Amino acid sequence: TPGDWSHIIKQIGMFTFTGLNSEQVVFMTREYHIYMTSDG
């Protein structure tokens, strides 16, 4: 996949920060029923 995903690889724990903005989060929820906090 394109882009830099190192911020995901470096995180530890049950939750991760995706780097998505609120518009992208809304798209993921509407199109794919993937739910997350509004700050990605």
PDB file of N, CA and C in Angstrom:
ATOM      1  N   THR A   1       0.828  -1.192   0.000  1.00  0.00           N
ATOM      2  CA  THR A   1       0.000   0.000   0.000  1.00  0.00           C
ATOM      3  C   THR A   1       0.870   1.253   0.000  1.00  0.00           C
ATOM      4  N   PRO A   2       0.397   2.272  -0.649  1.00  0.00           N
ATOM      5  CA  PRO A   2       1.170   3.514  -0.680  1.00  0.00           C
ATOM      6  C   PRO A   2       1.160   4.225   0.664  1.00  0.00           C
ATOM      7  N   GLY A   3       2.125   5.073   0.862  1.00  0.00           N
ATOM      8  CA  GLY A   3       2.174   5.865   2.090  1.00  0.00           C
ATOM      9  C   GLY A   3       3.130   5.304   3.115  1.00  0.00           C
ATOM     10  N   ASP A   4       3.265   6.037   4.182  1.00  0.00           N
ATOM     11  CA  ASP A   4       4.154   5.653   5.279  1.00  0.00           C
ATOM     12  C   ASP A   4       3.321   5.129   6.441  1.00  0.00           C
ATOM     13  N   TRP A   5       3.453   3.851   6.747  1.00  0.00           N
ATOM     14  CA  TRP A   5       2.681   3.206   7.810  1.00  0.00           C
ATOM     15  C   TRP A   5       3.526   2.958   9.058  1.00  0.00           C
ATOM     16  N   SER A   6       4.687   3.590   9.163  1.00  0.00           N
ATOM     17  CA  SER A   6       5.583   3.338  10.295  1.00  0.00           C
ATOM     18  C   SER A   6       4.944   3.705  11.634  1.00  0.00           C
ATOM     19  N   HIS A   7       4.039   4.694  11.648  1.00  0.00           N
ATOM     20  CA  HIS A   7       3.382   5.067  12.906  1.00  0.00           C
ATOM     21  C   HIS A   7       2.529   3.919  13.442  1.00  0.00           C
ATOM     22  N   ILE A   8       2.036   3.049  12.596  1.00  0.00           N
ATOM     23  CA  ILE A   8       1.254   1.893  13.044  1.00  0.00           C
ATOM     24  C   ILE A   8       2.187   0.807  13.568  1.00  0.00           C
ATOM     25  N   ILE A   9       3.278   0.584  12.881  1.00  0.00           N
ATOM     26  CA  ILE A   9       4.229  -0.454  13.275  1.00  0.00           C
ATOM     27  C   ILE A   9       4.848  -0.151  14.637  1.00  0.00           C
ATOM     28  N   LYS A  10       5.072   1.126  14.937  1.00  0.00           N
ATOM     29  CA  LYS A  10       5.729   1.522  16.180  1.00  0.00           C
ATOM     30  C   LYS A  10       4.806   1.507  17.395  1.00  0.00           C
ATOM     31  N   GLN A  11       3.492   1.445  17.185  1.00  0.00           N
ATOM     32  CA  GLN A  11       2.555   1.502  18.307  1.00  0.00           C
ATOM     33  C   GLN A  11       2.413   0.134  18.964  1.00  0.00           C
ATOM     34  N   ILE A  12       2.146   0.160  20.257  1.00  0.00           N
ATOM     35  CA  ILE A  12       1.983  -1.068  21.032  1.00  0.00           C
ATOM     36  C   ILE A  12       0.648  -0.988  21.760  1.00  0.00           C
ATOM     37  N   GLY A  13      -0.075  -2.079  21.786  1.00  0.00           N
ATOM     38  CA  GLY A  13      -1.320  -2.106  22.537  1.00  0.00           C
ATOM     39  C   GLY A  13      -2.511  -2.495  21.684  1.00  0.00           C
ATOM     40  N   MET A  14      -3.665  -2.380  22.304  1.00  0.00           N
ATOM     41  CA  MET A  14      -4.905  -2.813  21.685  1.00  0.00           C
ATOM     42  C   MET A  14      -5.444  -1.804  20.666  1.00  0.00           C
ATOM     43  N   PHE A  15      -5.090  -0.553  20.817  1.00  0.00           N
ATOM     44  CA  PHE A  15      -5.608   0.500  19.948  1.00  0.00           C
ATOM     45  C   PHE A  15      -4.478   1.114  19.135  1.00  0.00           C
ATOM     46  N   THR A  16      -4.828   1.709  18.020  1.00  0.00           N
ATOM     47  CA  THR A  16      -3.839   2.356  17.171  1.00  0.00           C
ATOM     48  C   THR A  16      -4.411   3.640  16.594  1.00  0.00           C
ATOM     49  N   PHE A  17      -3.559   4.574  16.251  1.00  0.00           N
ATOM     50  CA  PHE A  17      -3.981   5.799  15.584  1.00  0.00           C
ATOM     51  C   PHE A  17      -3.743   5.622  14.095  1.00  0.00           C
ATOM     52  N   THR A  18      -4.801   5.760  13.298  1.00  0.00           N
ATOM     53  CA  THR A  18      -4.703   5.492  11.861  1.00  0.00           C
ATOM     54  C   THR A  18      -4.154   6.661  11.067  1.00  0.00           C
ATOM     55  N   GLY A  19      -4.291   7.870  11.588  1.00  0.00           N
ATOM     56  CA  GLY A  19      -3.888   9.047  10.840  1.00  0.00           C
ATOM     57  C   GLY A  19      -4.970   9.566   9.910  1.00  0.00           C
ATOM     58  N   LEU A  20      -6.153   8.955   9.953  1.00  0.00           N
ATOM     59  CA  LEU A  20      -7.261   9.406   9.113  1.00  0.00           C
ATOM     60  C   LEU A  20      -7.866  10.683   9.678  1.00  0.00           C
ATOM     61  N   ASN A  21      -8.373  11.537   8.791  1.00  0.00           N
ATOM     62  CA  ASN A  21      -9.080  12.723   9.269  1.00  0.00           C
ATOM     63  C   ASN A  21     -10.565  12.396   9.428  1.00  0.00           C
ATOM     64  N   SER A  22     -11.356  13.327   9.953  1.00  0.00           N
ATOM     65  CA  SER A  22     -12.759  13.040  10.260  1.00  0.00           C
ATOM     66  C   SER A  22     -13.564  12.707   9.002  1.00  0.00           C
ATOM     67  N   GLU A  23     -13.249  13.330   7.884  1.00  0.00           N
ATOM     68  CA  GLU A  23     -13.953  13.032   6.632  1.00  0.00           C
ATOM     69  C   GLU A  23     -13.685  11.595   6.185  1.00  0.00           C
ATOM     70  N   GLN A  24     -12.455  11.144   6.329  1.00  0.00           N
ATOM     71  CA  GLN A  24     -12.101   9.775   5.963  1.00  0.00           C
ATOM     72  C   GLN A  24     -12.754   8.771   6.906  1.00  0.00           C
ATOM     73  N   VAL A  25     -12.862   9.125   8.188  1.00  0.00           N
ATOM     74  CA  VAL A  25     -13.515   8.250   9.164  1.00  0.00           C
ATOM     75  C   VAL A  25     -14.989   8.081   8.804  1.00  0.00           C
ATOM     76  N   VAL A  26     -15.658   9.176   8.444  1.00  0.00           N
ATOM     77  CA  VAL A  26     -17.069   9.112   8.040  1.00  0.00           C
ATOM     78  C   VAL A  26     -17.221   8.218   6.811  1.00  0.00           C
ATOM     79  N   PHE A  27     -16.330   8.350   5.844  1.00  0.00           N
ATOM     80  CA  PHE A  27     -16.369   7.510   4.648  1.00  0.00           C
ATOM     81  C   PHE A  27     -16.241   6.031   5.012  1.00  0.00           C
ATOM     82  N   MET A  28     -15.282   5.702   5.858  1.00  0.00           N
ATOM     83  CA  MET A  28     -15.083   4.305   6.261  1.00  0.00           C
ATOM     84  C   MET A  28     -16.318   3.751   6.969  1.00  0.00           C
ATOM     85  N   THR A  29     -16.959   4.592   7.782  1.00  0.00           N
ATOM     86  CA  THR A  29     -18.163   4.159   8.494  1.00  0.00           C
ATOM     87  C   THR A  29     -19.311   3.925   7.517  1.00  0.00           C
ATOM     88  N   ARG A  30     -19.539   4.868   6.620  1.00  0.00           N
ATOM     89  CA  ARG A  30     -20.665   4.766   5.681  1.00  0.00           C
ATOM     90  C   ARG A  30     -20.476   3.662   4.643  1.00  0.00           C
ATOM     91  N   GLU A  31     -19.292   3.551   4.108  1.00  0.00           N
ATOM     92  CA  GLU A  31     -19.055   2.608   3.017  1.00  0.00           C
ATOM     93  C   GLU A  31     -18.737   1.187   3.483  1.00  0.00           C
ATOM     94  N   TYR A  32     -18.013   1.067   4.596  1.00  0.00           N
ATOM     95  CA  TYR A  32     -17.517  -0.245   5.012  1.00  0.00           C
ATOM     96  C   TYR A  32     -17.963  -0.670   6.406  1.00  0.00           C
ATOM     97  N   HIS A  33     -18.762   0.183   7.082  1.00  0.00           N
ATOM     98  CA  HIS A  33     -19.244  -0.112   8.440  1.00  0.00           C
ATOM     99  C   HIS A  33     -18.092  -0.386   9.402  1.00  0.00           C
ATOM    100  N   ILE A  34     -17.024   0.378   9.233  1.00  0.00           N
ATOM    101  CA  ILE A  34     -15.878   0.337  10.138  1.00  0.00           C
ATOM    102  C   ILE A  34     -16.012   1.534  11.062  1.00  0.00           C
ATOM    103  N   TYR A  35     -16.070   1.279  12.348  1.00  0.00           N
ATOM    104  CA  TYR A  35     -16.329   2.332  13.327  1.00  0.00           C
ATOM    105  C   TYR A  35     -15.079   2.632  14.137  1.00  0.00           C
ATOM    106  N   MET A  36     -14.836   3.929  14.335  1.00  0.00           N
ATOM    107  CA  MET A  36     -13.681   4.375  15.111  1.00  0.00           C
ATOM    108  C   MET A  36     -13.964   5.776  15.628  1.00  0.00           C
ATOM    109  N   THR A  37     -13.091   6.291  16.454  1.00  0.00           N
ATOM    110  CA  THR A  37     -13.270   7.650  16.951  1.00  0.00           C
ATOM    111  C   THR A  37     -13.110   8.635  15.801  1.00  0.00           C
ATOM    112  N   SER A  38     -13.680   9.815  15.941  1.00  0.00           N
ATOM    113  CA  SER A  38     -13.688  10.786  14.845  1.00  0.00           C
ATOM    114  C   SER A  38     -12.301  11.316  14.490  1.00  0.00           C
ATOM    115  N   ASP A  39     -11.329  11.134  15.375  1.00  0.00           N
ATOM    116  CA  ASP A  39      -9.972  11.599  15.068  1.00  0.00           C
ATOM    117  C   ASP A  39      -9.097  10.489  14.493  1.00  0.00           C
ATOM    118  N   GLY A  40      -9.718   9.379  14.131  1.00  0.00           N
ATOM    119  CA  GLY A  40      -8.989   8.294  13.483  1.00  0.00           C
ATOM    120  C   GLY A  40      -8.221   7.453  14.451  1.00  0.00           C
TER     121      GLY A  40
END
